[in-house]
Amino acid sequence: METHLKLAGRPEAVQHAALAEIIGSNPVLMKVLDELRQGALPDGWVVAGAIYNPVWNRLTGRPDLNGINDVDVFYFDGADLSY
């Protein structure tokens, strides 16, 4: 089986554990997540390539930060709906 497909079709718990390990072992992502928590943005999320790329990189043997130029953070503050 192709290395990048080694988790395909595996139980959800196995895939979740692999995702947690990949993210948890990435010092840059962990720093961003920690700062996001400390900043207390309402409903804050790290999204897009900052999650996708490290997973793909790990599954294909590339450096964890390959292709990551920035980290996108989304949040929603229902108390401030201004532009």
PDB file of N, CA and C in Angstrom:
ATOM      1  N   MET A   1       0.842  -1.183   0.000  1.00  0.00           N
ATOM      2  CA  MET A   1       0.000   0.000   0.000  1.00  0.00           C
ATOM      3  C   MET A   1       0.885   1.244   0.000  1.00  0.00           C
ATOM      4  N   GLU A   2       0.433   2.230  -0.721  1.00  0.00           N
ATOM      5  CA  GLU A   2       1.146   3.505  -0.749  1.00  0.00           C
ATOM      6  C   GLU A   2       1.233   4.076   0.669  1.00  0.00           C
ATOM      7  N   THR A   3       2.375   4.649   1.005  1.00  0.00           N
ATOM      8  CA  THR A   3       2.583   5.192   2.343  1.00  0.00           C
ATOM      9  C   THR A   3       1.532   6.230   2.697  1.00  0.00           C
ATOM     10  N   HIS A   4       1.191   7.107   1.745  1.00  0.00           N
ATOM     11  CA  HIS A   4       0.238   8.171   2.048  1.00  0.00           C
ATOM     12  C   HIS A   4      -1.180   7.648   2.251  1.00  0.00           C
ATOM     13  N   LEU A   5      -1.417   6.381   1.931  1.00  0.00           N
ATOM     14  CA  LEU A   5      -2.742   5.790   2.125  1.00  0.00           C
ATOM     15  C   LEU A   5      -2.797   4.862   3.333  1.00  0.00           C
ATOM     16  N   LYS A   6      -1.748   4.848   4.135  1.00  0.00           N
ATOM     17  CA  LYS A   6      -1.679   3.861   5.215  1.00  0.00           C
ATOM     18  C   LYS A   6      -2.795   4.003   6.243  1.00  0.00           C
ATOM     19  N   LEU A   7      -3.429   5.156   6.329  1.00  0.00           N
ATOM     20  CA  LEU A   7      -4.534   5.339   7.271  1.00  0.00           C
ATOM     21  C   LEU A   7      -5.901   5.266   6.605  1.00  0.00           C
ATOM     22  N   ALA A   8      -5.917   5.167   5.282  1.00  0.00           N
ATOM     23  CA  ALA A   8      -7.188   5.104   4.557  1.00  0.00           C
ATOM     24  C   ALA A   8      -7.967   3.859   4.974  1.00  0.00           C
ATOM     25  N   GLY A   9      -9.222   4.045   5.285  1.00  0.00           N
ATOM     26  CA  GLY A   9     -10.076   2.932   5.649  1.00  0.00           C
ATOM     27  C   GLY A   9      -9.883   2.424   7.068  1.00  0.00           C
ATOM     28  N   ARG A  10      -8.950   3.035   7.807  1.00  0.00           N
ATOM     29  CA  ARG A  10      -8.739   2.634   9.194  1.00  0.00           C
ATOM     30  C   ARG A  10      -9.869   3.188  10.062  1.00  0.00           C
ATOM     31  N   PRO A  11     -10.096   2.617  11.221  1.00  0.00           N
ATOM     32  CA  PRO A  11     -11.151   3.137  12.100  1.00  0.00           C
ATOM     33  C   PRO A  11     -10.925   4.607  12.450  1.00  0.00           C
ATOM     34  N   GLU A  12     -12.012   5.300  12.713  1.00  0.00           N
ATOM     35  CA  GLU A  12     -11.937   6.723  13.027  1.00  0.00           C
ATOM     36  C   GLU A  12     -11.006   6.997  14.205  1.00  0.00           C
ATOM     37  N   ALA A  13     -11.037   6.152  15.212  1.00  0.00           N
ATOM     38  CA  ALA A  13     -10.182   6.361  16.386  1.00  0.00           C
ATOM     39  C   ALA A  13      -8.706   6.301  16.011  1.00  0.00           C
ATOM     40  N   VAL A  14      -8.344   5.431  15.089  1.00  0.00           N
ATOM     41  CA  VAL A  14      -6.954   5.312  14.636  1.00  0.00           C
ATOM     42  C   VAL A  14      -6.558   6.564  13.865  1.00  0.00           C
ATOM     43  N   GLN A  15      -7.442   7.036  12.992  1.00  0.00           N
ATOM     44  CA  GLN A  15      -7.161   8.250  12.234  1.00  0.00           C
ATOM     45  C   GLN A  15      -7.072   9.456  13.158  1.00  0.00           C
ATOM     46  N   HIS A  16      -7.949   9.531  14.136  1.00  0.00           N
ATOM     47  CA  HIS A  16      -7.928  10.642  15.091  1.00  0.00           C
ATOM     48  C   HIS A  16      -6.616  10.641  15.873  1.00  0.00           C
ATOM     49  N   ALA A  17      -6.188   9.475  16.326  1.00  0.00           N
ATOM     50  CA  ALA A  17      -4.931   9.368  17.075  1.00  0.00           C
ATOM     51  C   ALA A  17      -3.747   9.797  16.215  1.00  0.00           C
ATOM     52  N   ALA A  18      -3.755   9.424  14.938  1.00  0.00           N
ATOM     53  CA  ALA A  18      -2.669   9.812  14.032  1.00  0.00           C
ATOM     54  C   ALA A  18      -2.656  11.325  13.833  1.00  0.00           C
ATOM     55  N   LEU A  19      -3.833  11.920  13.655  1.00  0.00           N
ATOM     56  CA  LEU A  19      -3.928  13.372  13.494  1.00  0.00           C
ATOM     57  C   LEU A  19      -3.428  14.075  14.755  1.00  0.00           C
ATOM     58  N   ALA A  20      -3.844  13.606  15.919  1.00  0.00           N
ATOM     59  CA  ALA A  20      -3.407  14.206  17.186  1.00  0.00           C
ATOM     60  C   ALA A  20      -1.893  14.095  17.346  1.00  0.00           C
ATOM     61  N   GLU A  21      -1.315  12.982  16.947  1.00  0.00           N
ATOM     62  CA  GLU A  21       0.130  12.798  17.054  1.00  0.00           C
ATOM     63  C   GLU A  21       0.874  13.733  16.103  1.00  0.00           C
ATOM     64  N   ILE A  22       0.378  13.862  14.887  1.00  0.00           N
ATOM     65  CA  ILE A  22       1.027  14.733  13.898  1.00  0.00           C
ATOM     66  C   ILE A  22       0.985  16.189  14.368  1.00  0.00           C
ATOM     67  N   ILE A  23      -0.177  16.642  14.791  1.00  0.00           N
ATOM     68  CA  ILE A  23      -0.302  18.023  15.249  1.00  0.00           C
ATOM     69  C   ILE A  23       0.470  18.232  16.550  1.00  0.00           C
ATOM     70  N   GLY A  24       0.340  17.297  17.483  1.00  0.00           N
ATOM     71  CA  GLY A  24       0.991  17.424  18.776  1.00  0.00           C
ATOM     72  C   GLY A  24       2.501  17.407  18.716  1.00  0.00           C
ATOM     73  N   SER A  25       3.056  16.816  17.669  1.00  0.00           N
ATOM     74  CA  SER A  25       4.511  16.754  17.547  1.00  0.00           C
ATOM     75  C   SER A  25       5.081  17.902  16.714  1.00  0.00           C
ATOM     76  N   ASN A  26       4.227  18.817  16.281  1.00  0.00           N
ATOM     77  CA  ASN A  26       4.649  19.956  15.475  1.00  0.00           C
ATOM     78  C   ASN A  26       4.758  21.188  16.370  1.00  0.00           C
ATOM     79  N   PRO A  27       5.993  21.610  16.724  1.00  0.00           N
ATOM     80  CA  PRO A  27       6.144  22.724  17.664  1.00  0.00           C
ATOM     81  C   PRO A  27       5.522  24.033  17.184  1.00  0.00           C
ATOM     82  N   VAL A  28       5.532  24.277  15.888  1.00  0.00           N
ATOM     83  CA  VAL A  28       4.952  25.520  15.373  1.00  0.00           C
ATOM     84  C   VAL A  28       3.439  25.511  15.575  1.00  0.00           C
ATOM     85  N   LEU A  29       2.786  24.426  15.202  1.00  0.00           N
ATOM     86  CA  LEU A  29       1.335  24.344  15.388  1.00  0.00           C
ATOM     87  C   LEU A  29       0.962  24.407  16.863  1.00  0.00           C
ATOM     88  N   MET A  30       1.729  23.747  17.705  1.00  0.00           N
ATOM     89  CA  MET A  30       1.421  23.766  19.126  1.00  0.00           C
ATOM     90  C   MET A  30       1.571  25.170  19.699  1.00  0.00           C
ATOM     91  N   LYS A  31       2.551  25.922  19.226  1.00  0.00           N
ATOM     92  CA  LYS A  31       2.710  27.311  19.682  1.00  0.00           C
ATOM     93  C   LYS A  31       1.515  28.154  19.242  1.00  0.00           C
ATOM     94  N   VAL A  32       1.094  27.995  17.992  1.00  0.00           N
ATOM     95  CA  VAL A  32      -0.061  28.746  17.496  1.00  0.00           C
ATOM     96  C   VAL A  32      -1.311  28.367  18.286  1.00  0.00           C
ATOM     97  N   LEU A  33      -1.523  27.078  18.524  1.00  0.00           N
ATOM     98  CA  LEU A  33      -2.697  26.645  19.275  1.00  0.00           C
ATOM     99  C   LEU A  33      -2.669  27.171  20.706  1.00  0.00           C
ATOM    100  N   ASP A  34      -1.503  27.172  21.317  1.00  0.00           N
ATOM    101  CA  ASP A  34      -1.373  27.704  22.670  1.00  0.00           C
ATOM    102  C   ASP A  34      -1.683  29.200  22.699  1.00  0.00           C
ATOM    103  N   GLU A  35      -1.146  29.943  21.741  1.00  0.00           N
ATOM    104  CA  GLU A  35      -1.406  31.380  21.684  1.00  0.00           C
ATOM    105  C   GLU A  35      -2.872  31.664  21.360  1.00  0.00           C
ATOM    106  N   LEU A  36      -3.473  30.828  20.541  1.00  0.00           N
ATOM    107  CA  LEU A  36      -4.893  30.974  20.238  1.00  0.00           C
ATOM    108  C   LEU A  36      -5.716  30.798  21.516  1.00  0.00           C
ATOM    109  N   ARG A  37      -5.364  29.786  22.305  1.00  0.00           N
ATOM    110  CA  ARG A  37      -6.071  29.558  23.573  1.00  0.00           C
ATOM    111  C   ARG A  37      -5.848  30.732  24.525  1.00  0.00           C
ATOM    112  N   GLN A  38      -4.620  31.211  24.625  1.00  0.00           N
ATOM    113  CA  GLN A  38      -4.317  32.326  25.535  1.00  0.00           C
ATOM    114  C   GLN A  38      -5.009  33.619  25.096  1.00  0.00           C
ATOM    115  N   GLY A  39      -5.147  33.806  23.788  1.00  0.00           N
ATOM    116  CA  GLY A  39      -5.791  35.005  23.271  1.00  0.00           C
ATOM    117  C   GLY A  39      -7.288  34.993  23.445  1.00  0.00           C
ATOM    118  N   ALA A  40      -7.834  33.833  23.745  1.00  0.00           N
ATOM    119  CA  ALA A  40      -9.268  33.668  24.019  1.00  0.00           C
ATOM    120  C   ALA A  40     -10.156  34.228  22.911  1.00  0.00           C
ATOM    121  N   LEU A  41      -9.752  34.038  21.661  1.00  0.00           N
ATOM    122  CA  LEU A  41     -10.641  34.431  20.563  1.00  0.00           C
ATOM    123  C   LEU A  41     -11.912  33.591  20.648  1.00  0.00           C
ATOM    124  N   PRO A  42     -13.063  34.220  20.501  1.00  0.00           N
ATOM    125  CA  PRO A  42     -14.301  33.456  20.569  1.00  0.00           C
ATOM    126  C   PRO A  42     -14.415  32.504  19.374  1.00  0.00           C
ATOM    127  N   ASP A  43     -14.623  31.251  19.665  1.00  0.00           N
ATOM    128  CA  ASP A  43     -14.784  30.211  18.651  1.00  0.00           C
ATOM    129  C   ASP A  43     -13.627  30.228  17.648  1.00  0.00           C
ATOM    130  N   GLY A  44     -12.393  30.299  18.146  1.00  0.00           N
ATOM    131  CA  GLY A  44     -11.205  30.365  17.294  1.00  0.00           C
ATOM    132  C   GLY A  44     -10.777  28.997  16.792  1.00  0.00           C
ATOM    133  N   TRP A  45     -10.388  28.944  15.538  1.00  0.00           N
ATOM    134  CA  TRP A  45      -9.964  27.698  14.885  1.00  0.00           C
ATOM    135  C   TRP A  45      -8.727  27.935  14.030  1.00  0.00           C
ATOM    136  N   VAL A  46      -7.791  26.997  14.057  1.00  0.00           N
ATOM    137  CA  VAL A  46      -6.701  26.960  13.082  1.00  0.00           C
ATOM    138  C   VAL A  46      -7.231  26.144  11.915  1.00  0.00           C
ATOM    139  N   VAL A  47      -7.106  26.668  10.708  1.00  0.00           N
ATOM    140  CA  VAL A  47      -7.745  26.025   9.560  1.00  0.00           C
ATOM    141  C   VAL A  47      -6.799  25.914   8.369  1.00  0.00           C
ATOM    142  N   ALA A  48      -7.280  25.266   7.356  1.00  0.00           N
ATOM    143  CA  ALA A  48      -6.671  25.190   6.027  1.00  0.00           C
ATOM    144  C   ALA A  48      -5.326  24.474   6.024  1.00  0.00           C
ATOM    145  N   GLY A  49      -4.377  25.027   5.289  1.00  0.00           N
ATOM    146  CA  GLY A  49      -3.101  24.368   5.047  1.00  0.00           C
ATOM    147  C   GLY A  49      -2.277  24.114   6.287  1.00  0.00           C
ATOM    148  N   ALA A  50      -2.517  24.876   7.353  1.00  0.00           N
ATOM    149  CA  ALA A  50      -1.760  24.663   8.587  1.00  0.00           C
ATOM    150  C   ALA A  50      -2.078  23.310   9.206  1.00  0.00           C
ATOM    151  N   ILE A  51      -3.211  22.751   8.890  1.00  0.00           N
ATOM    152  CA  ILE A  51      -3.571  21.404   9.346  1.00  0.00           C
ATOM    153  C   ILE A  51      -3.313  20.398   8.232  1.00  0.00           C
ATOM    154  N   TYR A  52      -3.798  20.704   7.049  1.00  0.00           N
ATOM    155  CA  TYR A  52      -3.693  19.780   5.918  1.00  0.00           C
ATOM    156  C   TYR A  52      -2.246  19.457   5.556  1.00  0.00           C
ATOM    157  N   ASN A  53      -1.426  20.495   5.412  1.00  0.00           N
ATOM    158  CA  ASN A  53      -0.047  20.272   4.941  1.00  0.00           C
ATOM    159  C   ASN A  53       0.796  19.408   5.874  1.00  0.00           C
ATOM    160  N   PRO A  54       0.808  19.642   7.193  1.00  0.00           N
ATOM    161  CA  PRO A  54       1.618  18.763   8.041  1.00  0.00           C
ATOM    162  C   PRO A  54       1.186  17.294   7.974  1.00  0.00           C
ATOM    163  N   VAL A  55      -0.110  17.062   7.832  1.00  0.00           N
ATOM    164  CA  VAL A  55      -0.597  15.681   7.708  1.00  0.00           C
ATOM    165  C   VAL A  55      -0.088  15.078   6.407  1.00  0.00           C
ATOM    166  N   TRP A  56      -0.315  15.773   5.320  1.00  0.00           N
ATOM    167  CA  TRP A  56       0.137  15.280   4.016  1.00  0.00           C
ATOM    168  C   TRP A  56       1.655  15.117   4.003  1.00  0.00           C
ATOM    169  N   ASN A  57       2.361  16.092   4.563  1.00  0.00           N
ATOM    170  CA  ASN A  57       3.819  16.019   4.604  1.00  0.00           C
ATOM    171  C   ASN A  57       4.288  14.788   5.369  1.00  0.00           C
ATOM    172  N   ARG A  58       3.694  14.528   6.525  1.00  0.00           N
ATOM    173  CA  ARG A  58       4.104  13.377   7.326  1.00  0.00           C
ATOM    174  C   ARG A  58       3.818  12.072   6.574  1.00  0.00           C
ATOM    175  N   LEU A  59       2.668  12.009   5.928  1.00  0.00           N
ATOM    176  CA  LEU A  59       2.296  10.773   5.227  1.00  0.00           C
ATOM    177  C   LEU A  59       3.130  10.540   3.970  1.00  0.00           C
ATOM    178  N   THR A  60       3.739  11.591   3.446  1.00  0.00           N
ATOM    179  CA  THR A  60       4.530  11.443   2.222  1.00  0.00           C
ATOM    180  C   THR A  60       6.023  11.644   2.457  1.00  0.00           C
ATOM    181  N   GLY A  61       6.434  11.721   3.735  1.00  0.00           N
ATOM    182  CA  GLY A  61       7.855  11.779   4.052  1.00  0.00           C
ATOM    183  C   GLY A  61       8.520  13.116   3.840  1.00  0.00           C
ATOM    184  N   ARG A  62       7.748  14.182   3.771  1.00  0.00           N
ATOM    185  CA  ARG A  62       8.319  15.526   3.612  1.00  0.00           C
ATOM    186  C   ARG A  62       8.508  16.170   4.982  1.00  0.00           C
ATOM    187  N   PRO A  63       9.310  17.240   5.056  1.00  0.00           N
ATOM    188  CA  PRO A  63       9.428  17.976   6.319  1.00  0.00           C
ATOM    189  C   PRO A  63       8.065  18.526   6.742  1.00  0.00           C
ATOM    190  N   ASP A  64       7.804  18.539   8.054  1.00  0.00           N
ATOM    191  CA  ASP A  64       6.481  18.928   8.558  1.00  0.00           C
ATOM    192  C   ASP A  64       6.001  20.285   8.060  1.00  0.00           C
ATOM    193  N   LEU A  65       6.897  21.251   7.912  1.00  0.00           N
ATOM    194  CA  LEU A  65       6.474  22.602   7.537  1.00  0.00           C
ATOM    195  C   LEU A  65       6.574  22.871   6.036  1.00  0.00           C
ATOM    196  N   ASN A  66       6.840  21.843   5.255  1.00  0.00           N
ATOM    197  CA  ASN A  66       6.927  22.005   3.804  1.00  0.00           C
ATOM    198  C   ASN A  66       5.624  22.591   3.254  1.00  0.00           C
ATOM    199  N   GLY A  67       5.736  23.685   2.507  1.00  0.00           N
ATOM    200  CA  GLY A  67       4.576  24.282   1.854  1.00  0.00           C
ATOM    201  C   GLY A  67       3.727  25.180   2.731  1.00  0.00           C
ATOM    202  N   ILE A  68       4.119  25.374   3.979  1.00  0.00           N
ATOM    203  CA  ILE A  68       3.338  26.233   4.871  1.00  0.00           C
ATOM    204  C   ILE A  68       3.989  27.605   4.924  1.00  0.00           C
ATOM    205  N   ASN A  69       3.253  28.612   4.448  1.00  0.00           N
ATOM    206  CA  ASN A  69       3.756  29.984   4.445  1.00  0.00           C
ATOM    207  C   ASN A  69       3.122  30.827   5.537  1.00  0.00           C
ATOM    208  N   ASP A  70       1.976  30.380   6.030  1.00  0.00           N
ATOM    209  CA  ASP A  70       1.281  31.112   7.075  1.00  0.00           C
ATOM    210  C   ASP A  70       0.316  30.166   7.768  1.00  0.00           C
ATOM    211  N   VAL A  71      -0.303  30.657   8.815  1.00  0.00           N
ATOM    212  CA  VAL A  71      -1.301  29.877   9.549  1.00  0.00           C
ATOM    213  C   VAL A  71      -2.574  30.703   9.581  1.00  0.00           C
ATOM    214  N   ASP A  72      -3.647  30.144   9.032  1.00  0.00           N
ATOM    215  CA  ASP A  72      -4.934  30.838   9.018  1.00  0.00           C
ATOM    216  C   ASP A  72      -5.700  30.524  10.291  1.00  0.00           C
ATOM    217  N   VAL A  73      -6.217  31.599  10.920  1.00  0.00           N
ATOM    218  CA  VAL A  73      -7.042  31.468  12.116  1.00  0.00           C
ATOM    219  C   VAL A  73      -8.386  32.113  11.816  1.00  0.00           C
ATOM    220  N   PHE A  74      -9.449  31.361  12.023  1.00  0.00           N
ATOM    221  CA  PHE A  74     -10.810  31.884  11.874  1.00  0.00           C
ATOM    222  C   PHE A  74     -11.403  31.997  13.268  1.00  0.00           C
ATOM    223  N   TYR A  75     -12.268  32.985  13.441  1.00  0.00           N
ATOM    224  CA  TYR A  75     -13.020  33.072  14.688  1.00  0.00           C
ATOM    225  C   TYR A  75     -14.332  33.797  14.429  1.00  0.00           C
ATOM    226  N   PHE A  76     -15.265  33.611  15.348  1.00  0.00           N
ATOM    227  CA  PHE A  76     -16.560  34.273  15.249  1.00  0.00           C
ATOM    228  C   PHE A  76     -16.885  34.918  16.588  1.00  0.00           C
ATOM    229  N   ASP A  77     -17.106  36.213  16.554  1.00  0.00           N
ATOM    230  CA  ASP A  77     -17.493  36.957  17.755  1.00  0.00           C
ATOM    231  C   ASP A  77     -18.877  37.518  17.523  1.00  0.00           C
ATOM    232  N   GLY A  78     -19.885  36.821  18.010  1.00  0.00           N
ATOM    233  CA  GLY A  78     -21.261  37.252  17.824  1.00  0.00           C
ATOM    234  C   GLY A  78     -21.581  38.584  18.486  1.00  0.00           C
ATOM    235  N   ALA A  79     -20.716  39.012  19.416  1.00  0.00           N
ATOM    236  CA  ALA A  79     -20.934  40.301  20.082  1.00  0.00           C
ATOM    237  C   ALA A  79     -20.433  41.455  19.229  1.00  0.00           C
ATOM    238  N   ASP A  80     -19.656  41.185  18.199  1.00  0.00           N
ATOM    239  CA  ASP A  80     -19.133  42.246  17.339  1.00  0.00           C
ATOM    240  C   ASP A  80     -19.332  41.832  15.890  1.00  0.00           C
ATOM    241  N   LEU A  81     -20.420  42.285  15.293  1.00  0.00           N
ATOM    242  CA  LEU A  81     -20.735  41.925  13.913  1.00  0.00           C
ATOM    243  C   LEU A  81     -20.366  43.046  12.941  1.00  0.00           C
ATOM    244  N   SER A  82     -19.483  43.949  13.362  1.00  0.00           N
ATOM    245  CA  SER A  82     -19.054  45.030  12.479  1.00  0.00           C
ATOM    246  C   SER A  82     -18.195  44.470  11.356  1.00  0.00           C
ATOM    247  N   TYR A  83     -18.064  45.259  10.298  1.00  0.00           N
ATOM    248  CA  TYR A  83     -17.262  44.846   9.168  1.00  0.00           C
ATOM    249  C   TYR A  83     -15.831  44.710   9.591  1.00  0.00           C
TER     250      TYR A  83
END
